[in-house]
Amino acid sequence: MNRLFRWGIVIALFVLIASGLMAVRIIFVDNNEVDVPAIVGLSAVEATNRLQNSGLTARIDLIDSDQPEGVVISQTPGVGNKIEKGKIVVVRVSRGGTQLRIPDVRGMEFAAAVKTLDTAGFKIGTVLRVTDPLKASGTVIAQNPASPSMVLSDRMVELLVSEGASGRTEMVQIPDLKGQSEKLARQILEQSSLSVSRTIVVESNQVPAGTVLRTQPIAGSRVPHGNAIILYLAKETDVVPSPLTPEVSHRPPNVIQTTPAETPSQERSETPTAPVTPPGVPQPVIEQPVVETPTQPVTPPPATPTKTAKIRFQVPPLTRPLHFKITIDDDRGTRVLREQQARGGEYVTMDIGYSGSATVTVLLDGETVWQEKYR
């Protein structure tokens, strides 16, 4: 009995000792948990090395930020947390770039909103058009990203645009593109379900070259979806020499030529001497120089047409009768080629002779809607 008791005590002590050794090993030797080190502000390479030295794994996520490119701006888990060795720490690294304050374009007309965003340095992304009985057609209802906020300058801005109470119809209103660049005007037209058929360059010293002067049909006109319009773009005015500046000087009539012994720089003597004439040659009659006083320039007769201007123009859709007029201005002056009541959609074709250079102008109710230079 005593023997069994003694063996029981020995076994119990052995179990206690083994358990203590195992606890010590777990706590002090085989502890798998480590503290997450601080890595915010380090470079991505430095942060990765520090985590690996602590027995952890780094996962790099690039995000938009105004911090320098490649700098760690946040981490998960945070500093001081204990996690098992081999676990992943999410490291958020700045992608870099310039951040700009995005303007609020809600409530603006679509073309004006695009112009505002472009001026602020942003590009237009997806444009979604929806029916909205409370907003006029073409009005911006919402935007993404919203304002006010700071976003990267290369971020595309999405717009939600109203199509009015009745939703999309077969007709769309041409936006006012005056003063826009050609690139931006094309973008606005594309987002308005329109396109550009061609561009016409018109000389102008009022706006920079490439700026939209007007459209055909004019802004505010309603045309079918997908319709193509014409853009009139400004071009720097060519400097043409004045036709009144003489290029060739004429010798005054009846002026006696100087003898070879004289030079242009010598002054003529007040007392004329008789020229030496060989014997047997009649003495010439000397006339005093006559200087004619310039009179009014002589107007040349009208030039004869030598070129042909091919005029092709289609009257835009009209909601009311308008006065229609075509004029040409060339070396023979300004002439009216056609003047009548305009009919919407009418196609005008004319071949007109002209001299030198000519400018053909089309006016609707006194407003220039088309102009072409011929040289």
Protein backbone atom coordinates (compact mmCIF):
# COMPACT_ATOMS: atom_id res chain seq x y z
CA MET A 1 0.00 0.00 0.00
CA ASN A 2 2.77 2.38 0.97
CA ARG A 3 4.63 1.39 -2.16
CA LEU A 4 1.69 2.28 -4.41
CA PHE A 5 1.26 5.59 -2.59
CA ARG A 6 4.88 6.48 -3.14
CA TRP A 7 4.60 5.70 -6.90
CA GLY A 8 1.46 7.81 -7.12
CA ILE A 9 3.25 10.75 -5.61
CA VAL A 10 6.17 10.33 -8.03
CA ILE A 11 3.86 10.21 -11.06
CA ALA A 12 1.96 13.29 -9.87
CA LEU A 13 5.19 15.23 -9.43
CA PHE A 14 6.33 14.17 -12.90
CA VAL A 15 3.08 15.39 -14.44
CA LEU A 16 3.36 18.73 -12.66
CA ILE A 17 6.96 19.22 -13.75
CA ALA A 18 6.13 18.32 -17.38
CA SER A 19 3.20 20.74 -17.41
CA GLY A 20 5.34 23.53 -16.03
CA LEU A 21 8.04 22.95 -18.61
CA MET A 22 5.47 22.96 -21.39
CA ALA A 23 3.92 26.22 -20.13
CA VAL A 24 7.33 27.87 -19.96
CA ARG A 25 8.09 26.75 -23.50
CA ILE A 26 4.77 28.06 -24.83
CA ILE A 27 5.11 31.39 -23.05
CA PHE A 28 8.80 32.14 -23.41
CA VAL A 29 10.06 29.97 -26.26
CA ASP A 30 7.35 29.11 -28.75
CA ASN A 31 5.29 32.35 -28.57
CA ASN A 32 3.95 32.90 -32.16
CA GLU A 33 2.55 36.39 -31.51
CA VAL A 34 4.55 39.53 -32.33
CA ASP A 35 3.94 43.26 -32.06
CA VAL A 36 3.10 45.05 -35.30
CA PRO A 37 5.88 47.62 -35.94
CA ALA A 38 5.32 51.24 -36.96
CA ILE A 39 5.80 51.69 -40.72
CA VAL A 40 3.75 54.83 -41.58
CA GLY A 41 5.97 57.45 -43.21
CA LEU A 42 8.51 54.90 -44.43
CA SER A 43 9.05 54.01 -48.06
CA ALA A 44 7.36 50.86 -49.35
CA VAL A 45 10.71 49.01 -49.45
CA GLU A 46 11.66 50.01 -45.88
CA ALA A 47 8.21 49.05 -44.56
CA THR A 48 8.36 45.65 -46.25
CA ASN A 49 11.81 44.90 -44.79
CA ARG A 50 10.72 45.93 -41.28
CA LEU A 51 7.65 43.67 -41.40
CA GLN A 52 9.68 40.72 -42.69
CA ASN A 53 12.20 41.15 -39.86
CA SER A 54 9.26 40.88 -37.43
CA GLY A 55 8.08 37.67 -39.08
CA LEU A 56 5.13 39.30 -40.84
CA THR A 57 4.08 39.57 -44.49
CA ALA A 58 3.35 42.86 -46.28
CA ARG A 59 0.53 43.39 -48.78
CA ILE A 60 0.94 46.65 -50.74
CA ASP A 61 -2.16 48.64 -51.77
CA LEU A 62 -1.67 51.77 -53.93
CA ILE A 63 -4.16 54.54 -53.21
CA ASP A 64 -4.73 58.14 -54.35
CA SER A 65 -3.08 60.66 -52.06
CA ASP A 66 -1.41 64.06 -52.07
CA GLN A 67 1.55 62.47 -50.24
CA PRO A 68 4.76 61.79 -52.23
CA GLU A 69 4.73 58.71 -54.40
CA GLY A 70 5.87 55.47 -52.66
CA VAL A 71 5.33 56.66 -49.06
CA VAL A 72 3.32 54.51 -46.58
CA ILE A 73 0.30 56.53 -45.42
CA SER A 74 -1.52 53.89 -43.29
CA GLN A 75 -1.38 50.28 -42.11
CA THR A 76 -3.72 47.56 -40.86
CA PRO A 77 -3.39 46.27 -38.12
CA GLY A 78 -2.11 49.40 -36.40
CA VAL A 79 1.04 49.87 -34.38
CA GLY A 80 1.27 47.81 -31.13
CA ASN A 81 -1.29 45.14 -32.04
CA LYS A 82 -0.20 41.53 -31.46
CA ILE A 83 -0.69 39.10 -34.30
CA GLU A 84 0.70 35.67 -35.13
CA LYS A 85 3.87 35.37 -37.09
CA GLY A 86 3.35 35.00 -40.82
CA LYS A 87 0.13 37.02 -40.79
CA ILE A 88 -0.46 39.75 -43.40
CA VAL A 89 -0.20 43.47 -42.69
CA VAL A 90 -1.96 45.70 -45.22
CA VAL A 91 0.37 48.53 -46.24
CA ARG A 92 -1.28 51.46 -48.05
CA VAL A 93 1.19 53.33 -50.25
CA SER A 94 0.62 56.70 -51.93
CA ARG A 95 0.25 56.63 -55.69
CA GLY A 96 1.19 60.31 -55.81
CA GLY A 97 -0.27 62.97 -58.11
CA THR A 98 -1.73 66.46 -57.84
CA GLN A 99 -5.00 66.97 -56.03
CA LEU A 100 -7.41 69.70 -57.09
CA ARG A 101 -10.61 71.03 -55.58
CA ILE A 102 -13.51 69.87 -57.71
CA PRO A 103 -16.12 72.56 -58.49
CA ASP A 104 -19.84 72.12 -57.89
CA VAL A 105 -21.59 71.99 -61.30
CA ARG A 106 -25.01 70.84 -60.12
CA GLY A 107 -27.77 72.97 -61.56
CA MET A 108 -25.60 74.17 -64.47
CA GLU A 109 -26.43 73.66 -68.13
CA PHE A 110 -24.44 70.71 -69.48
CA ALA A 111 -22.11 72.71 -71.78
CA ALA A 112 -21.37 75.24 -69.02
CA ALA A 113 -20.65 72.41 -66.56
CA VAL A 114 -18.19 70.77 -68.96
CA LYS A 115 -16.47 74.12 -69.51
CA THR A 116 -16.21 74.72 -65.73
CA LEU A 117 -14.74 71.28 -65.06
CA ASP A 118 -12.30 71.59 -67.96
CA THR A 119 -11.10 74.96 -66.68
CA ALA A 120 -10.56 73.41 -63.24
CA GLY A 121 -8.42 70.67 -64.81
CA PHE A 122 -10.87 67.73 -64.87
CA LYS A 123 -12.06 65.43 -67.65
CA ILE A 124 -15.63 64.24 -68.26
CA GLY A 125 -16.30 60.54 -67.79
CA THR A 126 -19.65 58.78 -68.06
CA VAL A 127 -22.70 60.99 -68.66
CA LEU A 128 -26.00 59.41 -67.64
CA ARG A 129 -29.22 61.06 -68.83
CA VAL A 130 -32.46 60.47 -66.91
CA THR A 131 -36.03 61.76 -66.87
CA ASP A 132 -36.58 64.41 -64.22
CA PRO A 133 -39.80 66.46 -64.10
CA LEU A 134 -38.21 68.98 -61.70
CA LYS A 135 -35.13 69.84 -63.78
CA ALA A 136 -35.01 71.42 -67.22
CA SER A 137 -33.59 69.30 -70.02
CA GLY A 138 -29.79 69.53 -70.16
CA THR A 139 -29.38 70.48 -66.47
CA VAL A 140 -26.78 68.66 -64.37
CA ILE A 141 -28.51 66.88 -61.48
CA ALA A 142 -25.56 65.21 -59.73
CA GLN A 143 -21.83 64.60 -60.08
CA ASN A 144 -19.28 62.06 -58.91
CA PRO A 145 -16.95 62.87 -57.16
CA ALA A 146 -19.10 65.33 -55.28
CA SER A 147 -18.07 68.84 -54.31
CA PRO A 148 -16.44 70.10 -52.17
CA SER A 149 -13.57 67.62 -52.12
CA MET A 150 -9.95 67.29 -53.20
CA VAL A 151 -9.37 64.68 -55.90
CA LEU A 152 -6.59 63.84 -58.32
CA SER A 153 -6.48 65.97 -61.44
CA ASP A 154 -6.66 62.92 -63.72
CA ARG A 155 -9.87 61.70 -62.08
CA MET A 156 -12.80 61.39 -64.51
CA VAL A 157 -15.96 63.19 -63.37
CA GLU A 158 -19.28 61.43 -63.94
CA LEU A 159 -22.41 63.52 -64.50
CA LEU A 160 -26.13 62.84 -64.15
CA VAL A 161 -28.04 65.05 -66.60
CA SER A 162 -31.79 65.67 -66.82
CA GLU A 163 -33.76 65.03 -70.01
CA GLY A 164 -36.77 66.90 -68.71
CA ALA A 165 -40.18 65.61 -67.72
CA SER A 166 -40.84 63.75 -70.98
CA GLY A 167 -37.48 62.01 -71.13
CA ARG A 168 -35.53 61.53 -74.30
CA THR A 169 -37.24 62.75 -77.46
CA GLU A 170 -36.28 62.59 -81.12
CA MET A 171 -34.87 66.13 -80.97
CA VAL A 172 -31.91 67.56 -79.06
CA GLN A 173 -30.95 71.18 -78.50
CA ILE A 174 -27.59 72.33 -79.86
CA PRO A 175 -25.46 73.62 -76.94
CA ASP A 176 -23.84 77.04 -77.02
CA LEU A 177 -20.20 76.31 -77.93
CA LYS A 178 -19.05 79.87 -78.59
CA GLY A 179 -15.65 80.49 -77.00
CA GLN A 180 -14.87 76.79 -76.48
CA SER A 181 -11.81 75.02 -77.91
CA GLU A 182 -12.43 72.62 -80.79
CA LYS A 183 -11.47 69.62 -78.64
CA LEU A 184 -13.85 70.55 -75.84
CA ALA A 185 -16.63 71.43 -78.30
CA ARG A 186 -16.38 67.98 -79.89
CA GLN A 187 -16.55 66.37 -76.45
CA ILE A 188 -19.65 68.35 -75.51
CA LEU A 189 -21.36 67.46 -78.79
CA GLU A 190 -20.53 63.79 -78.34
CA GLN A 191 -22.04 63.78 -74.87
CA SER A 192 -25.11 65.53 -76.33
CA SER A 193 -25.61 62.73 -78.90
CA LEU A 194 -24.37 64.98 -81.72
CA SER A 195 -21.30 64.96 -83.95
CA VAL A 196 -19.23 67.28 -86.16
CA SER A 197 -19.69 67.03 -89.92
CA ARG A 198 -16.88 69.47 -90.79
CA THR A 199 -15.07 72.58 -89.62
CA ILE A 200 -14.82 75.94 -91.39
CA VAL A 201 -11.97 78.32 -90.59
CA VAL A 202 -12.86 82.02 -90.43
CA GLU A 203 -10.29 84.81 -90.02
CA SER A 204 -10.66 86.61 -86.70
CA ASN A 205 -8.41 88.73 -84.49
CA GLN A 206 -10.87 88.81 -81.57
CA VAL A 207 -10.25 85.34 -80.10
CA PRO A 208 -7.36 82.82 -80.13
CA ALA A 209 -6.96 80.59 -83.17
CA GLY A 210 -8.95 77.35 -82.90
CA THR A 211 -11.73 78.90 -80.80
CA VAL A 212 -15.33 78.13 -81.80
CA LEU A 213 -17.06 81.21 -83.19
CA ARG A 214 -20.47 79.68 -83.90
CA THR A 215 -22.19 76.54 -85.16
CA GLN A 216 -24.46 75.64 -88.02
CA PRO A 217 -27.29 75.22 -87.18
CA ILE A 218 -27.00 77.97 -84.60
CA ALA A 219 -26.96 77.33 -80.83
CA GLY A 220 -30.40 76.66 -79.37
CA SER A 221 -31.73 75.00 -82.52
CA ARG A 222 -33.32 71.58 -82.05
CA VAL A 223 -32.10 68.80 -84.33
CA PRO A 224 -32.53 65.01 -84.39
CA HIS A 225 -30.34 62.85 -82.12
CA GLY A 226 -27.10 61.91 -83.86
CA ASN A 227 -27.24 64.89 -86.19
CA ALA A 228 -23.93 66.33 -87.45
CA ILE A 229 -23.28 70.05 -87.24
CA ILE A 230 -20.65 72.45 -88.61
CA LEU A 231 -18.12 74.22 -86.37
CA TYR A 232 -16.78 77.65 -87.33
CA LEU A 233 -13.26 78.07 -85.92
CA ALA A 234 -11.22 81.23 -85.57
CA LYS A 235 -8.03 81.74 -87.55
CA GLU A 236 -5.46 84.49 -87.17
CA THR A 237 -6.08 87.30 -89.67
CA ASP A 238 -3.54 87.35 -92.49
CA VAL A 239 -1.63 90.63 -92.84
CA VAL A 240 -2.10 91.85 -96.42
CA PRO A 241 0.01 94.79 -97.78
CA SER A 242 -2.07 97.90 -98.48
CA PRO A 243 -2.93 98.17 -102.20
CA LEU A 244 -2.39 101.96 -101.93
CA THR A 245 1.35 101.60 -101.26
CA PRO A 246 3.17 102.13 -104.61
CA GLU A 247 5.71 99.46 -105.43
CA VAL A 248 7.13 101.07 -108.64
CA SER A 249 8.24 104.72 -108.90
CA HIS A 250 7.77 106.58 -112.21
CA ARG A 251 10.11 109.23 -113.60
CA PRO A 252 8.42 112.64 -114.01
CA PRO A 253 7.86 113.41 -117.72
CA ASN A 254 10.01 115.88 -119.73
CA VAL A 255 12.96 115.76 -117.30
CA ILE A 256 16.33 116.16 -119.12
CA GLN A 257 18.69 113.24 -118.54
CA THR A 258 22.10 114.04 -117.03
CA THR A 259 25.24 113.60 -119.06
CA PRO A 260 27.67 110.78 -118.19
CA ALA A 261 29.91 113.31 -116.45
CA GLU A 262 27.14 114.14 -113.96
CA THR A 263 26.18 112.06 -110.94
CA PRO A 264 22.90 111.96 -109.04
CA SER A 265 24.57 113.59 -106.05
CA GLN A 266 25.70 116.64 -107.98
CA GLU A 267 23.44 119.73 -107.92
CA ARG A 268 22.42 121.28 -111.24
CA SER A 269 23.92 124.71 -111.92
CA GLU A 270 21.52 127.61 -111.91
CA THR A 271 23.02 128.94 -115.23
CA PRO A 272 22.56 126.23 -117.84
CA THR A 273 25.44 125.70 -120.27
CA ALA A 274 24.97 124.53 -123.80
CA PRO A 275 25.94 120.93 -124.36
CA VAL A 276 28.80 120.23 -126.75
CA THR A 277 27.40 118.98 -130.03
CA PRO A 278 29.46 117.34 -132.74
CA PRO A 279 29.74 119.32 -136.01
CA GLY A 280 26.93 118.74 -138.46
CA VAL A 281 24.46 117.61 -135.76
CA PRO A 282 21.41 119.88 -135.21
CA GLN A 283 21.28 121.62 -131.87
CA PRO A 284 18.59 119.99 -129.67
CA VAL A 285 15.88 122.09 -128.15
CA ILE A 286 16.21 122.08 -124.36
CA GLU A 287 13.04 122.19 -122.34
CA GLN A 288 12.80 123.04 -118.69
CA PRO A 289 11.87 120.14 -116.38
CA VAL A 290 8.21 119.93 -115.68
CA VAL A 291 7.16 118.42 -112.38
CA GLU A 292 3.57 117.37 -112.29
CA THR A 293 1.65 117.72 -109.06
CA PRO A 294 0.08 114.36 -108.05
CA THR A 295 -3.68 114.39 -108.33
CA GLN A 296 -6.27 111.97 -107.01
CA PRO A 297 -5.36 108.32 -107.78
CA VAL A 298 -7.00 106.98 -110.87
CA THR A 299 -9.49 104.27 -110.06
CA PRO A 300 -8.84 101.25 -112.27
CA PRO A 301 -11.76 99.85 -114.21
CA PRO A 302 -13.59 96.91 -112.62
CA ALA A 303 -11.65 93.70 -112.94
CA THR A 304 -12.98 90.94 -115.10
CA PRO A 305 -13.95 87.78 -113.15
CA THR A 306 -11.23 85.18 -113.50
CA LYS A 307 -12.19 82.66 -110.76
CA THR A 308 -15.31 80.81 -109.67
CA ALA A 309 -16.63 80.54 -106.12
CA LYS A 310 -18.68 77.37 -105.61
CA ILE A 311 -21.21 78.19 -102.90
CA ARG A 312 -22.95 75.27 -101.17
CA PHE A 313 -25.14 76.03 -98.16
CA GLN A 314 -28.12 74.37 -96.47
CA VAL A 315 -30.54 76.52 -94.50
CA PRO A 316 -30.90 75.09 -90.96
CA PRO A 317 -34.26 73.99 -89.55
CA LEU A 318 -36.29 77.09 -88.66
CA THR A 319 -39.08 77.63 -86.16
CA ARG A 320 -40.16 80.92 -87.76
CA PRO A 321 -39.64 82.74 -91.09
CA LEU A 322 -36.27 84.52 -91.36
CA HIS A 323 -34.79 86.95 -93.87
CA PHE A 324 -32.14 85.16 -95.96
CA LYS A 325 -29.30 87.01 -97.72
CA ILE A 326 -26.06 86.00 -99.51
CA THR A 327 -23.36 88.59 -100.35
CA ILE A 328 -19.94 88.47 -102.01
CA ASP A 329 -17.10 90.94 -101.52
CA ASP A 330 -14.21 90.91 -104.03
CA ASP A 331 -12.08 93.35 -106.03
CA ARG A 332 -15.21 94.62 -107.80
CA GLY A 333 -16.92 95.54 -104.52
CA THR A 334 -19.75 94.07 -102.46
CA ARG A 335 -22.72 92.53 -104.27
CA VAL A 336 -25.91 90.81 -103.12
CA LEU A 337 -26.21 87.39 -104.72
CA ARG A 338 -29.54 86.33 -103.25
CA GLU A 339 -32.08 87.88 -100.90
CA GLN A 340 -35.37 86.22 -100.02
CA GLN A 341 -37.48 84.67 -97.26
CA ALA A 342 -35.64 81.65 -95.87
CA ARG A 343 -37.13 78.17 -96.11
CA GLY A 344 -35.88 75.69 -93.50
CA GLY A 345 -33.80 72.88 -94.99
CA GLU A 346 -33.44 74.60 -98.39
CA TYR A 347 -30.17 73.71 -100.13
CA VAL A 348 -28.53 76.62 -101.99
CA THR A 349 -25.93 75.98 -104.70
CA MET A 350 -24.34 78.77 -106.76
CA ASP A 351 -21.25 79.21 -108.94
CA ILE A 352 -20.22 82.89 -108.90
CA GLY A 353 -17.33 84.51 -110.77
CA TYR A 354 -14.98 86.78 -108.80
CA SER A 355 -11.64 88.59 -109.12
CA GLY A 356 -8.66 88.53 -106.76
CA SER A 357 -9.93 87.25 -103.42
CA ALA A 358 -13.55 87.06 -102.30
CA THR A 359 -15.57 86.62 -99.13
CA VAL A 360 -19.01 85.06 -99.31
CA THR A 361 -21.32 85.72 -96.35
CA VAL A 362 -24.71 84.18 -95.50
CA LEU A 363 -26.98 86.10 -93.13
CA LEU A 364 -30.20 85.11 -91.38
CA ASP A 365 -32.14 88.09 -90.04
CA GLY A 366 -28.95 90.14 -90.30
CA GLU A 367 -26.83 87.68 -88.31
CA THR A 368 -23.87 86.00 -90.01
CA VAL A 369 -24.33 82.23 -89.94
CA TRP A 370 -21.79 81.21 -92.60
CA GLN A 371 -18.74 82.79 -94.18
CA GLU A 372 -16.14 81.45 -96.58
CA LYS A 373 -12.92 82.89 -98.05
CA TYR A 374 -11.97 82.30 -101.68
CA ARG A 375 -8.51 83.13 -103.03
